[in-house]
């Protein structure tokens, strides 16, 4: 098991990068932090180097004493590949009504983490960064209806994201890993 979360490690690597000349990404108006806690399946992502080849990716948030305990689990390379886990601490910043977090993988560095969108029923969310380098579209279920996913992708494009590196994350299904990956790749091609 890894000690660091993929999101946190990516933040460390990018922490020294200069800010993008683009305006900040749009933030969700208000995040009810307790309601946001729980499991989020990663549906689509512009992945960090540590997330490439991830299957069954799941981000889990749990309120802890003064921070959000974050665990990212996935299978490496295939649906039945070795299970990996990375851990980080999320810290909700004062600005942003709960939508701006610092993700800490290694003390004292906190990576940029922004809740750009959350559905009214907290069934789907979009997480991004002002640099527009990484992106996570997540849901409470392993899949999203195509129309909803298309709407979220349109939102991301409108926010200035280049989706050419977007990857659908295969989630565990009864089909084999290769069929699951082929299905996810076909769906991405159809939605782009």
N, C-alpha and C. Protein backbone atom coordinates (compact mmCIF):
# COMPACT_ATOMS: atom_id res chain seq x y z
N UNK A 1 0.83 -1.17 0.00
CA UNK A 1 0.00 0.00 0.00
C UNK A 1 0.88 1.24 0.00
N UNK A 2 0.48 2.20 -0.81
CA UNK A 2 1.22 3.45 -0.86
C UNK A 2 0.73 4.38 0.24
N UNK A 3 1.59 5.21 0.71
CA UNK A 3 1.28 6.14 1.77
C UNK A 3 0.65 7.42 1.25
N UNK A 4 0.84 7.71 -0.02
CA UNK A 4 0.38 8.98 -0.57
C UNK A 4 -0.74 8.77 -1.55
N UNK A 5 -1.64 9.72 -1.63
CA UNK A 5 -2.72 9.64 -2.61
C UNK A 5 -2.22 10.15 -3.94
N UNK A 6 -2.80 9.64 -5.00
CA UNK A 6 -2.39 10.07 -6.35
C UNK A 6 -2.63 11.56 -6.51
N UNK A 7 -3.73 12.04 -5.98
CA UNK A 7 -4.03 13.46 -6.12
C UNK A 7 -2.99 14.30 -5.38
N UNK A 8 -2.57 13.84 -4.23
CA UNK A 8 -1.62 14.59 -3.44
C UNK A 8 -0.25 14.60 -4.09
N UNK A 9 0.21 13.46 -4.55
CA UNK A 9 1.52 13.39 -5.18
C UNK A 9 1.56 14.27 -6.41
N UNK A 10 0.47 14.24 -7.17
CA UNK A 10 0.41 15.09 -8.36
C UNK A 10 0.50 16.55 -7.95
N UNK A 11 -0.17 16.89 -6.86
CA UNK A 11 -0.11 18.27 -6.38
C UNK A 11 1.29 18.68 -6.01
N UNK A 12 2.03 17.78 -5.41
CA UNK A 12 3.42 18.09 -5.06
C UNK A 12 4.25 18.37 -6.30
N UNK A 13 4.06 17.52 -7.29
CA UNK A 13 4.84 17.68 -8.51
C UNK A 13 4.51 18.98 -9.21
N UNK A 14 3.27 19.40 -9.08
CA UNK A 14 2.85 20.60 -9.78
C UNK A 14 2.86 21.84 -8.91
N UNK A 15 3.12 21.68 -7.66
CA UNK A 15 3.09 22.82 -6.74
C UNK A 15 4.06 23.91 -7.10
N UNK A 16 5.16 23.55 -7.71
CA UNK A 16 6.16 24.55 -8.07
C UNK A 16 5.85 25.22 -9.41
N UNK A 17 4.86 24.69 -10.13
CA UNK A 17 4.52 25.27 -11.43
C UNK A 17 3.88 26.64 -11.23
N UNK A 18 4.10 27.51 -12.19
CA UNK A 18 3.49 28.82 -12.14
C UNK A 18 2.01 28.69 -12.40
N UNK A 19 1.25 29.66 -11.89
CA UNK A 19 -0.19 29.67 -12.10
C UNK A 19 -0.47 29.93 -13.58
N UNK A 20 -1.55 29.33 -14.06
CA UNK A 20 -1.99 29.53 -15.43
C UNK A 20 -2.48 30.96 -15.59
N UNK A 21 -2.29 31.54 -16.79
CA UNK A 21 -2.80 32.89 -17.00
C UNK A 21 -4.32 32.94 -17.11
N UNK A 22 -4.97 31.78 -17.17
CA UNK A 22 -6.43 31.74 -17.24
C UNK A 22 -7.03 32.15 -15.90
N UNK A 23 -8.27 32.61 -15.91
CA UNK A 23 -8.93 32.93 -14.64
C UNK A 23 -9.15 31.65 -13.84
N UNK A 24 -9.40 31.77 -12.54
CA UNK A 24 -9.66 30.56 -11.73
C UNK A 24 -10.86 29.80 -12.28
N UNK A 25 -10.87 28.50 -12.04
CA UNK A 25 -12.02 27.69 -12.44
C UNK A 25 -13.24 28.09 -11.63
N UNK A 26 -14.39 27.82 -12.19
CA UNK A 26 -15.65 28.04 -11.49
C UNK A 26 -15.72 27.10 -10.30
N UNK A 27 -16.26 27.57 -9.21
CA UNK A 27 -16.44 26.73 -8.02
C UNK A 27 -17.91 26.43 -7.81
N UNK A 28 -18.19 25.26 -7.26
CA UNK A 28 -19.55 24.96 -6.81
C UNK A 28 -19.93 26.03 -5.78
N UNK A 29 -21.18 26.45 -5.77
CA UNK A 29 -21.57 27.57 -4.91
C UNK A 29 -21.32 27.32 -3.44
N UNK A 30 -21.77 26.21 -2.94
CA UNK A 30 -21.57 25.84 -1.54
C UNK A 30 -21.49 24.33 -1.44
N UNK A 31 -20.54 23.84 -0.67
CA UNK A 31 -20.41 22.40 -0.46
C UNK A 31 -20.79 22.09 0.98
N UNK A 32 -21.75 21.20 1.14
CA UNK A 32 -22.12 20.68 2.45
C UNK A 32 -21.10 19.56 2.72
N UNK A 33 -20.08 19.89 3.49
CA UNK A 33 -18.95 18.97 3.67
C UNK A 33 -19.39 17.60 4.20
N UNK A 34 -20.21 17.51 5.25
CA UNK A 34 -20.62 16.17 5.70
C UNK A 34 -21.34 15.37 4.60
N UNK A 35 -22.14 16.05 3.80
CA UNK A 35 -22.85 15.37 2.73
C UNK A 35 -21.90 14.93 1.61
N UNK A 36 -20.81 15.64 1.42
CA UNK A 36 -19.84 15.33 0.38
C UNK A 36 -19.00 14.10 0.74
N UNK A 37 -18.95 13.76 2.02
CA UNK A 37 -18.15 12.62 2.47
C UNK A 37 -18.70 11.32 1.90
N UNK A 38 -17.85 10.31 1.89
CA UNK A 38 -18.26 9.00 1.41
C UNK A 38 -17.49 8.59 0.18
N UNK A 39 -18.04 7.64 -0.55
CA UNK A 39 -17.38 7.06 -1.71
C UNK A 39 -17.76 7.78 -2.99
N UNK A 40 -16.76 8.01 -3.83
CA UNK A 40 -16.94 8.61 -5.15
C UNK A 40 -16.18 7.75 -6.16
N UNK A 41 -16.90 7.18 -7.13
CA UNK A 41 -16.27 6.42 -8.21
C UNK A 41 -15.70 7.41 -9.22
N UNK A 42 -14.47 7.20 -9.64
CA UNK A 42 -13.87 8.04 -10.68
C UNK A 42 -14.37 7.53 -12.02
N UNK A 43 -15.16 8.35 -12.69
CA UNK A 43 -15.78 7.97 -13.96
C UNK A 43 -14.86 8.32 -15.13
N UNK A 44 -14.31 9.52 -15.08
CA UNK A 44 -13.41 9.99 -16.14
C UNK A 44 -12.38 10.90 -15.50
N UNK A 45 -11.19 10.95 -16.10
CA UNK A 45 -10.12 11.73 -15.50
C UNK A 45 -9.10 12.18 -16.55
N UNK A 46 -8.51 13.32 -16.33
CA UNK A 46 -7.24 13.63 -16.95
C UNK A 46 -6.27 13.23 -15.84
N UNK A 47 -5.66 12.06 -15.96
CA UNK A 47 -4.98 11.45 -14.81
C UNK A 47 -3.61 12.04 -14.49
N UNK A 48 -3.29 11.94 -13.22
CA UNK A 48 -1.92 12.21 -12.78
C UNK A 48 -1.07 11.02 -13.25
N UNK A 49 0.24 11.15 -13.26
CA UNK A 49 1.07 10.00 -13.67
C UNK A 49 0.82 8.75 -12.82
N UNK A 50 0.40 8.93 -11.59
CA UNK A 50 0.20 7.81 -10.68
C UNK A 50 -1.13 7.11 -10.90
N UNK A 51 -2.05 7.74 -11.63
CA UNK A 51 -3.37 7.17 -11.88
C UNK A 51 -3.48 6.48 -13.23
N UNK A 52 -2.48 6.65 -14.08
CA UNK A 52 -2.56 6.05 -15.40
C UNK A 52 -2.65 4.53 -15.25
N UNK A 53 -3.55 3.94 -15.98
CA UNK A 53 -3.73 2.49 -15.91
C UNK A 53 -4.56 2.05 -14.71
N UNK A 54 -5.27 2.99 -14.06
CA UNK A 54 -6.10 2.63 -12.90
C UNK A 54 -7.44 2.09 -13.36
N UNK A 55 -7.86 1.01 -12.74
CA UNK A 55 -9.19 0.43 -12.91
C UNK A 55 -9.89 0.50 -11.56
N UNK A 56 -11.21 0.56 -11.59
CA UNK A 56 -12.01 0.53 -10.35
C UNK A 56 -11.59 1.62 -9.37
N UNK A 57 -11.26 2.79 -9.89
CA UNK A 57 -10.78 3.88 -9.03
C UNK A 57 -11.90 4.43 -8.16
N UNK A 58 -11.60 4.57 -6.88
CA UNK A 58 -12.57 5.04 -5.91
C UNK A 58 -11.89 6.01 -4.95
N UNK A 59 -12.49 7.18 -4.80
CA UNK A 59 -11.99 8.18 -3.85
C UNK A 59 -12.94 8.16 -2.66
N UNK A 60 -12.41 8.00 -1.46
CA UNK A 60 -13.23 7.93 -0.24
C UNK A 60 -12.83 9.06 0.69
N UNK A 61 -13.83 9.83 1.11
CA UNK A 61 -13.61 10.94 2.04
C UNK A 61 -14.30 10.63 3.36
N UNK A 62 -13.60 10.92 4.45
CA UNK A 62 -14.15 10.71 5.79
C UNK A 62 -13.71 11.85 6.67
N UNK A 63 -14.66 12.44 7.40
CA UNK A 63 -14.31 13.52 8.33
C UNK A 63 -13.45 12.97 9.45
N UNK A 64 -12.38 13.66 9.73
CA UNK A 64 -11.49 13.29 10.83
C UNK A 64 -11.35 14.52 11.72
N UNK A 65 -10.46 14.47 12.67
CA UNK A 65 -10.28 15.57 13.61
C UNK A 65 -9.51 16.72 12.94
N UNK A 66 -10.25 17.67 12.37
CA UNK A 66 -9.63 18.85 11.78
C UNK A 66 -9.23 18.70 10.32
N UNK A 67 -9.54 17.58 9.68
CA UNK A 67 -9.20 17.39 8.28
C UNK A 67 -10.13 16.34 7.67
N UNK A 68 -9.97 16.11 6.38
CA UNK A 68 -10.73 15.08 5.68
C UNK A 68 -9.76 13.97 5.33
N UNK A 69 -9.99 12.80 5.90
CA UNK A 69 -9.18 11.63 5.60
C UNK A 69 -9.56 11.15 4.20
N UNK A 70 -8.58 11.09 3.31
CA UNK A 70 -8.83 10.75 1.91
C UNK A 70 -8.07 9.48 1.55
N UNK A 71 -8.79 8.54 0.96
CA UNK A 71 -8.17 7.29 0.50
C UNK A 71 -8.56 7.07 -0.95
N UNK A 72 -7.56 6.88 -1.79
CA UNK A 72 -7.78 6.60 -3.21
C UNK A 72 -7.36 5.15 -3.43
N UNK A 73 -8.31 4.31 -3.86
CA UNK A 73 -8.01 2.90 -4.13
C UNK A 73 -8.27 2.60 -5.60
N UNK A 74 -7.52 1.66 -6.13
CA UNK A 74 -7.69 1.26 -7.52
C UNK A 74 -6.97 -0.07 -7.75
N UNK A 75 -7.30 -0.69 -8.88
CA UNK A 75 -6.57 -1.87 -9.33
C UNK A 75 -5.61 -1.41 -10.42
N UNK A 76 -4.37 -1.82 -10.30
CA UNK A 76 -3.34 -1.38 -11.24
C UNK A 76 -3.32 -2.25 -12.49
N UNK A 77 -3.53 -1.59 -13.65
CA UNK A 77 -3.35 -2.25 -14.94
C UNK A 77 -4.49 -3.09 -15.45
N UNK A 78 -5.37 -3.55 -14.60
CA UNK A 78 -6.49 -4.40 -15.02
C UNK A 78 -7.54 -4.43 -13.93
N UNK A 79 -8.74 -4.82 -14.30
CA UNK A 79 -9.82 -4.87 -13.33
C UNK A 79 -9.51 -5.79 -12.17
N UNK A 80 -8.73 -6.84 -12.44
CA UNK A 80 -8.34 -7.77 -11.38
C UNK A 80 -6.87 -7.62 -11.01
N UNK A 81 -6.28 -6.48 -11.38
CA UNK A 81 -4.88 -6.23 -11.07
C UNK A 81 -4.67 -5.99 -9.58
N UNK A 82 -3.41 -5.85 -9.18
CA UNK A 82 -3.13 -5.63 -7.76
C UNK A 82 -3.82 -4.37 -7.24
N UNK A 83 -4.40 -4.48 -6.06
CA UNK A 83 -5.07 -3.33 -5.46
C UNK A 83 -4.03 -2.41 -4.83
N UNK A 84 -4.19 -1.14 -5.10
CA UNK A 84 -3.30 -0.11 -4.56
C UNK A 84 -4.14 0.89 -3.79
N UNK A 85 -3.53 1.54 -2.82
CA UNK A 85 -4.22 2.58 -2.05
C UNK A 85 -3.24 3.70 -1.76
N UNK A 86 -3.75 4.91 -1.85
CA UNK A 86 -2.96 6.09 -1.52
C UNK A 86 -3.79 6.93 -0.54
N UNK A 87 -3.09 7.64 0.34
CA UNK A 87 -3.76 8.39 1.40
C UNK A 87 -3.31 9.84 1.41
N UNK A 88 -4.24 10.71 1.75
CA UNK A 88 -3.94 12.14 1.87
C UNK A 88 -4.87 12.74 2.92
N UNK A 89 -4.55 13.97 3.30
CA UNK A 89 -5.41 14.73 4.20
C UNK A 89 -5.92 15.95 3.43
N UNK A 90 -7.23 16.13 3.46
CA UNK A 90 -7.83 17.31 2.84
C UNK A 90 -8.12 18.35 3.89
N UNK A 91 -7.85 19.60 3.54
CA UNK A 91 -8.12 20.71 4.45
C UNK A 91 -8.98 21.72 3.71
N UNK A 92 -10.20 21.94 4.21
CA UNK A 92 -11.10 22.89 3.58
C UNK A 92 -10.63 24.29 3.93
N UNK A 93 -10.42 25.09 2.89
CA UNK A 93 -9.97 26.46 3.09
C UNK A 93 -11.16 27.37 3.38
N UNK A 94 -10.88 28.50 4.00
CA UNK A 94 -11.95 29.42 4.36
C UNK A 94 -12.66 29.98 3.14
N UNK A 95 -11.91 30.32 2.09
CA UNK A 95 -12.55 30.87 0.90
C UNK A 95 -13.23 29.74 0.13
N UNK A 96 -14.27 30.07 -0.61
CA UNK A 96 -14.87 29.08 -1.50
C UNK A 96 -16.06 28.32 -0.94
N UNK A 97 -16.55 28.65 0.25
CA UNK A 97 -17.75 27.97 0.79
C UNK A 97 -17.65 26.45 0.75
N UNK A 98 -16.50 25.92 1.10
CA UNK A 98 -16.30 24.47 1.15
C UNK A 98 -15.82 23.86 -0.14
N UNK A 99 -15.68 24.66 -1.21
CA UNK A 99 -15.30 24.13 -2.52
C UNK A 99 -13.80 24.19 -2.79
N UNK A 100 -13.04 24.85 -1.93
CA UNK A 100 -11.59 24.96 -2.13
C UNK A 100 -10.90 24.21 -1.01
N UNK A 101 -10.10 23.23 -1.40
CA UNK A 101 -9.38 22.40 -0.44
C UNK A 101 -7.89 22.47 -0.72
N UNK A 102 -7.12 22.17 0.29
CA UNK A 102 -5.71 21.88 0.13
C UNK A 102 -5.54 20.40 0.40
N UNK A 103 -4.96 19.65 -0.52
CA UNK A 103 -4.74 18.22 -0.34
C UNK A 103 -3.29 17.99 0.04
N UNK A 104 -3.08 17.41 1.19
CA UNK A 104 -1.71 17.24 1.71
C UNK A 104 -1.28 15.78 1.60
N UNK A 105 -0.26 15.60 0.78
CA UNK A 105 0.33 14.27 0.61
C UNK A 105 1.58 14.15 1.46
N UNK A 106 2.34 15.22 1.48
CA UNK A 106 3.55 15.30 2.29
C UNK A 106 3.50 16.63 3.03
N UNK A 107 3.69 16.58 4.33
CA UNK A 107 3.68 17.80 5.13
C UNK A 107 4.85 18.67 4.73
N UNK A 108 4.72 19.95 4.60
CA UNK A 108 3.56 20.81 4.83
C UNK A 108 2.86 21.25 3.55
N UNK A 109 3.15 20.60 2.43
CA UNK A 109 2.64 21.05 1.14
C UNK A 109 1.19 20.62 0.95
N UNK A 110 0.37 21.56 0.49
CA UNK A 110 -1.04 21.29 0.22
C UNK A 110 -1.34 21.64 -1.24
N UNK A 111 -1.72 20.63 -1.99
CA UNK A 111 -2.00 20.80 -3.42
C UNK A 111 -3.38 21.43 -3.64
N UNK A 112 -3.51 22.13 -4.74
CA UNK A 112 -4.76 22.77 -5.15
C UNK A 112 -5.80 21.71 -5.50
N UNK A 113 -7.00 21.84 -4.95
CA UNK A 113 -8.09 20.88 -5.15
C UNK A 113 -9.37 21.68 -5.09
N UNK A 114 -10.13 21.71 -6.19
CA UNK A 114 -11.32 22.56 -6.25
C UNK A 114 -12.54 21.78 -6.70
N UNK A 115 -13.60 21.88 -5.92
CA UNK A 115 -14.88 21.28 -6.30
C UNK A 115 -15.54 22.29 -7.24
N UNK A 116 -15.50 21.97 -8.53
CA UNK A 116 -16.04 22.88 -9.53
C UNK A 116 -17.55 22.74 -9.69
N UNK A 117 -18.03 21.54 -9.43
CA UNK A 117 -19.45 21.25 -9.62
C UNK A 117 -19.83 20.11 -8.68
N UNK A 118 -21.04 20.19 -8.14
CA UNK A 118 -21.65 19.05 -7.46
C UNK A 118 -23.14 19.08 -7.78
N UNK A 119 -23.69 17.92 -8.13
CA UNK A 119 -25.12 17.82 -8.43
C UNK A 119 -25.93 18.17 -7.19
N UNK A 120 -27.13 18.67 -7.40
CA UNK A 120 -27.99 19.05 -6.28
C UNK A 120 -28.19 17.90 -5.29
N UNK A 121 -28.25 16.67 -5.82
CA UNK A 121 -28.45 15.50 -4.95
C UNK A 121 -27.13 14.84 -4.54
N UNK A 122 -26.01 15.49 -4.84
CA UNK A 122 -24.67 15.00 -4.50
C UNK A 122 -24.40 13.62 -5.12
N UNK A 123 -24.92 13.42 -6.33
CA UNK A 123 -24.71 12.15 -7.03
C UNK A 123 -23.52 12.20 -7.97
N UNK A 124 -23.07 13.40 -8.33
CA UNK A 124 -21.93 13.56 -9.25
C UNK A 124 -21.18 14.83 -8.89
N UNK A 125 -19.89 14.82 -9.20
CA UNK A 125 -19.06 15.99 -8.92
C UNK A 125 -17.95 16.11 -9.96
N UNK A 126 -17.43 17.32 -10.10
CA UNK A 126 -16.27 17.57 -10.94
C UNK A 126 -15.23 18.26 -10.06
N UNK A 127 -14.04 17.68 -10.02
CA UNK A 127 -12.92 18.23 -9.26
C UNK A 127 -11.86 18.67 -10.25
N UNK A 128 -11.34 19.86 -10.03
CA UNK A 128 -10.31 20.37 -10.93
C UNK A 128 -9.28 21.20 -10.20
N UNK A 129 -8.48 21.85 -11.00
CA UNK A 129 -7.42 22.72 -10.49
C UNK A 129 -7.36 23.96 -11.37
N UNK A 130 -6.92 25.08 -10.80
CA UNK A 130 -6.80 26.30 -11.59
C UNK A 130 -5.84 26.13 -12.77
N UNK A 131 -4.86 25.26 -12.65
CA UNK A 131 -3.90 25.03 -13.73
C UNK A 131 -4.52 24.26 -14.89
N UNK A 132 -5.70 23.65 -14.65
CA UNK A 132 -6.41 22.87 -15.66
C UNK A 132 -5.56 21.73 -16.21
N UNK A 133 -4.75 21.17 -15.35
CA UNK A 133 -3.87 20.08 -15.74
C UNK A 133 -4.47 18.71 -15.44
N UNK A 134 -5.18 18.58 -14.36
CA UNK A 134 -5.80 17.33 -13.96
C UNK A 134 -7.28 17.58 -13.72
N UNK A 135 -8.06 16.50 -13.87
CA UNK A 135 -9.51 16.63 -13.76
C UNK A 135 -10.08 15.29 -13.31
N UNK A 136 -11.11 15.34 -12.49
CA UNK A 136 -11.79 14.13 -12.04
C UNK A 136 -13.29 14.34 -12.12
N UNK A 137 -13.97 13.50 -12.87
CA UNK A 137 -15.43 13.47 -12.89
C UNK A 137 -15.79 12.22 -12.10
N UNK A 138 -16.54 12.42 -11.02
CA UNK A 138 -16.83 11.31 -10.11
C UNK A 138 -18.33 11.23 -9.83
N UNK A 139 -18.75 10.03 -9.42
CA UNK A 139 -20.16 9.80 -9.11
C UNK A 139 -20.28 8.83 -7.95
N UNK A 140 -21.44 8.80 -7.37
CA UNK A 140 -21.70 7.86 -6.26
C UNK A 140 -21.91 6.44 -6.76
N UNK A 141 -22.10 6.29 -8.06
CA UNK A 141 -22.30 4.98 -8.68
C UNK A 141 -21.18 4.76 -9.70
N UNK A 142 -20.94 3.51 -10.11
CA UNK A 142 -19.83 3.23 -11.04
C UNK A 142 -20.01 3.77 -12.46
N UNK A 143 -21.22 4.23 -12.81
CA UNK A 143 -21.44 4.79 -14.14
C UNK A 143 -22.35 6.01 -14.02
N UNK A 144 -22.32 6.81 -15.09
CA UNK A 144 -23.24 7.94 -15.22
C UNK A 144 -23.99 7.77 -16.54
N UNK A 145 -25.24 8.22 -16.61
CA UNK A 145 -25.92 8.20 -17.90
C UNK A 145 -25.14 9.06 -18.91
N UNK A 146 -25.14 8.63 -20.17
CA UNK A 146 -24.39 9.35 -21.20
C UNK A 146 -24.73 10.84 -21.25
N UNK A 147 -26.02 11.18 -21.16
CA UNK A 147 -26.43 12.58 -21.24
C UNK A 147 -25.83 13.40 -20.11
N UNK A 148 -25.79 12.84 -18.90
CA UNK A 148 -25.21 13.55 -17.76
C UNK A 148 -23.70 13.70 -17.94
N UNK A 149 -23.04 12.65 -18.39
CA UNK A 149 -21.60 12.72 -18.63
C UNK A 149 -21.28 13.74 -19.72
N UNK A 150 -22.06 13.74 -20.80
CA UNK A 150 -21.86 14.72 -21.87
C UNK A 150 -21.99 16.14 -21.34
N UNK A 151 -22.96 16.37 -20.47
CA UNK A 151 -23.16 17.70 -19.87
C UNK A 151 -21.95 18.10 -19.02
N UNK A 152 -21.43 17.17 -18.24
CA UNK A 152 -20.26 17.46 -17.41
C UNK A 152 -19.02 17.72 -18.25
N UNK A 153 -18.86 16.97 -19.35
CA UNK A 153 -17.73 17.20 -20.24
C UNK A 153 -17.84 18.57 -20.90
N UNK A 154 -19.04 18.96 -21.30
CA UNK A 154 -19.26 20.29 -21.89
C UNK A 154 -18.89 21.37 -20.88
N UNK A 155 -19.27 21.17 -19.62
CA UNK A 155 -18.92 22.12 -18.55
C UNK A 155 -17.40 22.24 -18.44
N UNK A 156 -16.71 21.12 -18.48
CA UNK A 156 -15.24 21.13 -18.35
C UNK A 156 -14.59 21.86 -19.53
N UNK A 157 -15.10 21.63 -20.73
CA UNK A 157 -14.57 22.35 -21.91
C UNK A 157 -14.79 23.85 -21.75
N UNK A 158 -15.99 24.22 -21.29
CA UNK A 158 -16.32 25.63 -21.08
C UNK A 158 -15.37 26.26 -20.05
N UNK A 159 -14.91 25.47 -19.11
CA UNK A 159 -13.98 25.95 -18.09
C UNK A 159 -12.54 26.04 -18.59
N UNK A 160 -12.30 25.66 -19.83
CA UNK A 160 -10.97 25.79 -20.41
C UNK A 160 -10.14 24.53 -20.38
N UNK A 161 -10.75 23.40 -20.08
CA UNK A 161 -10.02 22.14 -20.07
C UNK A 161 -9.87 21.59 -21.48
N UNK A 162 -8.68 21.13 -21.83
CA UNK A 162 -8.42 20.39 -23.06
C UNK A 162 -8.66 18.93 -22.71
N UNK A 163 -9.67 18.32 -23.29
CA UNK A 163 -10.05 16.96 -22.92
C UNK A 163 -9.39 15.90 -23.78
N UNK A 164 -8.37 16.27 -24.53
CA UNK A 164 -7.72 15.28 -25.40
C UNK A 164 -7.04 14.16 -24.60
N UNK A 165 -6.67 14.43 -23.35
CA UNK A 165 -6.05 13.40 -22.51
C UNK A 165 -7.04 12.76 -21.53
N UNK A 166 -8.32 13.09 -21.68
CA UNK A 166 -9.33 12.52 -20.79
C UNK A 166 -9.40 11.01 -21.00
N UNK A 167 -9.55 10.29 -19.92
CA UNK A 167 -9.61 8.83 -19.95
C UNK A 167 -10.82 8.38 -19.14
N UNK A 168 -11.62 7.50 -19.73
CA UNK A 168 -12.71 6.87 -18.98
C UNK A 168 -12.07 5.82 -18.08
N UNK A 169 -12.51 5.76 -16.84
CA UNK A 169 -11.94 4.80 -15.90
C UNK A 169 -12.85 3.58 -15.84
N UNK A 170 -12.35 2.44 -16.29
CA UNK A 170 -13.17 1.23 -16.22
C UNK A 170 -13.47 0.88 -14.77
N UNK A 171 -14.74 0.65 -14.51
CA UNK A 171 -15.17 0.23 -13.17
C UNK A 171 -15.56 -1.24 -13.24
N UNK A 172 -15.43 -1.92 -12.13
CA UNK A 172 -15.68 -3.36 -12.06
C UNK A 172 -17.07 -3.69 -12.58
N UNK A 173 -17.08 -4.60 -13.53
CA UNK A 173 -18.32 -5.10 -14.12
C UNK A 173 -18.18 -6.61 -14.25
N UNK A 174 -19.27 -7.32 -14.52
CA UNK A 174 -19.16 -8.76 -14.70
C UNK A 174 -18.28 -9.14 -15.88
N UNK A 175 -18.14 -8.26 -16.88
CA UNK A 175 -17.33 -8.56 -18.05
C UNK A 175 -15.86 -8.59 -17.68
N UNK A 176 -15.05 -9.15 -18.57
CA UNK A 176 -13.61 -9.22 -18.32
C UNK A 176 -13.01 -7.83 -18.35
N UNK A 177 -11.80 -7.69 -17.82
CA UNK A 177 -11.11 -6.40 -17.78
C UNK A 177 -10.93 -5.83 -19.17
N UNK A 178 -10.56 -6.67 -20.15
CA UNK A 178 -10.33 -6.15 -21.50
C UNK A 178 -11.65 -5.69 -22.12
N UNK A 179 -12.74 -6.39 -21.87
CA UNK A 179 -14.03 -5.96 -22.39
C UNK A 179 -14.46 -4.67 -21.70
N UNK A 180 -14.19 -4.56 -20.40
CA UNK A 180 -14.53 -3.36 -19.66
C UNK A 180 -13.75 -2.17 -20.19
N UNK A 181 -12.44 -2.36 -20.45
CA UNK A 181 -11.62 -1.28 -20.98
C UNK A 181 -12.09 -0.90 -22.38
N UNK A 182 -12.39 -1.89 -23.22
CA UNK A 182 -12.87 -1.61 -24.57
C UNK A 182 -14.18 -0.84 -24.52
N UNK A 183 -15.07 -1.23 -23.61
CA UNK A 183 -16.35 -0.54 -23.45
C UNK A 183 -16.13 0.91 -23.03
N UNK A 184 -15.22 1.15 -22.08
CA UNK A 184 -14.93 2.51 -21.62
C UNK A 184 -14.31 3.33 -22.73
N UNK A 185 -13.39 2.75 -23.50
CA UNK A 185 -12.74 3.47 -24.61
C UNK A 185 -13.77 3.82 -25.69
N UNK A 186 -14.67 2.89 -25.99
CA UNK A 186 -15.71 3.14 -26.99
C UNK A 186 -16.63 4.26 -26.54
N UNK A 187 -16.98 4.25 -25.27
CA UNK A 187 -17.86 5.29 -24.72
C UNK A 187 -17.18 6.65 -24.80
N UNK A 188 -15.90 6.73 -24.49
CA UNK A 188 -15.18 8.00 -24.55
C UNK A 188 -15.14 8.51 -25.98
N UNK A 189 -14.86 7.62 -26.93
CA UNK A 189 -14.81 8.04 -28.33
C UNK A 189 -16.16 8.59 -28.77
N UNK A 190 -17.23 7.93 -28.34
CA UNK A 190 -18.58 8.36 -28.71
C UNK A 190 -18.91 9.73 -28.09
N UNK A 191 -18.41 10.02 -26.89
CA UNK A 191 -18.74 11.27 -26.20
C UNK A 191 -17.87 12.44 -26.61
N UNK A 192 -16.71 12.19 -27.20
CA UNK A 192 -15.82 13.30 -27.54
C UNK A 192 -16.26 14.02 -28.79
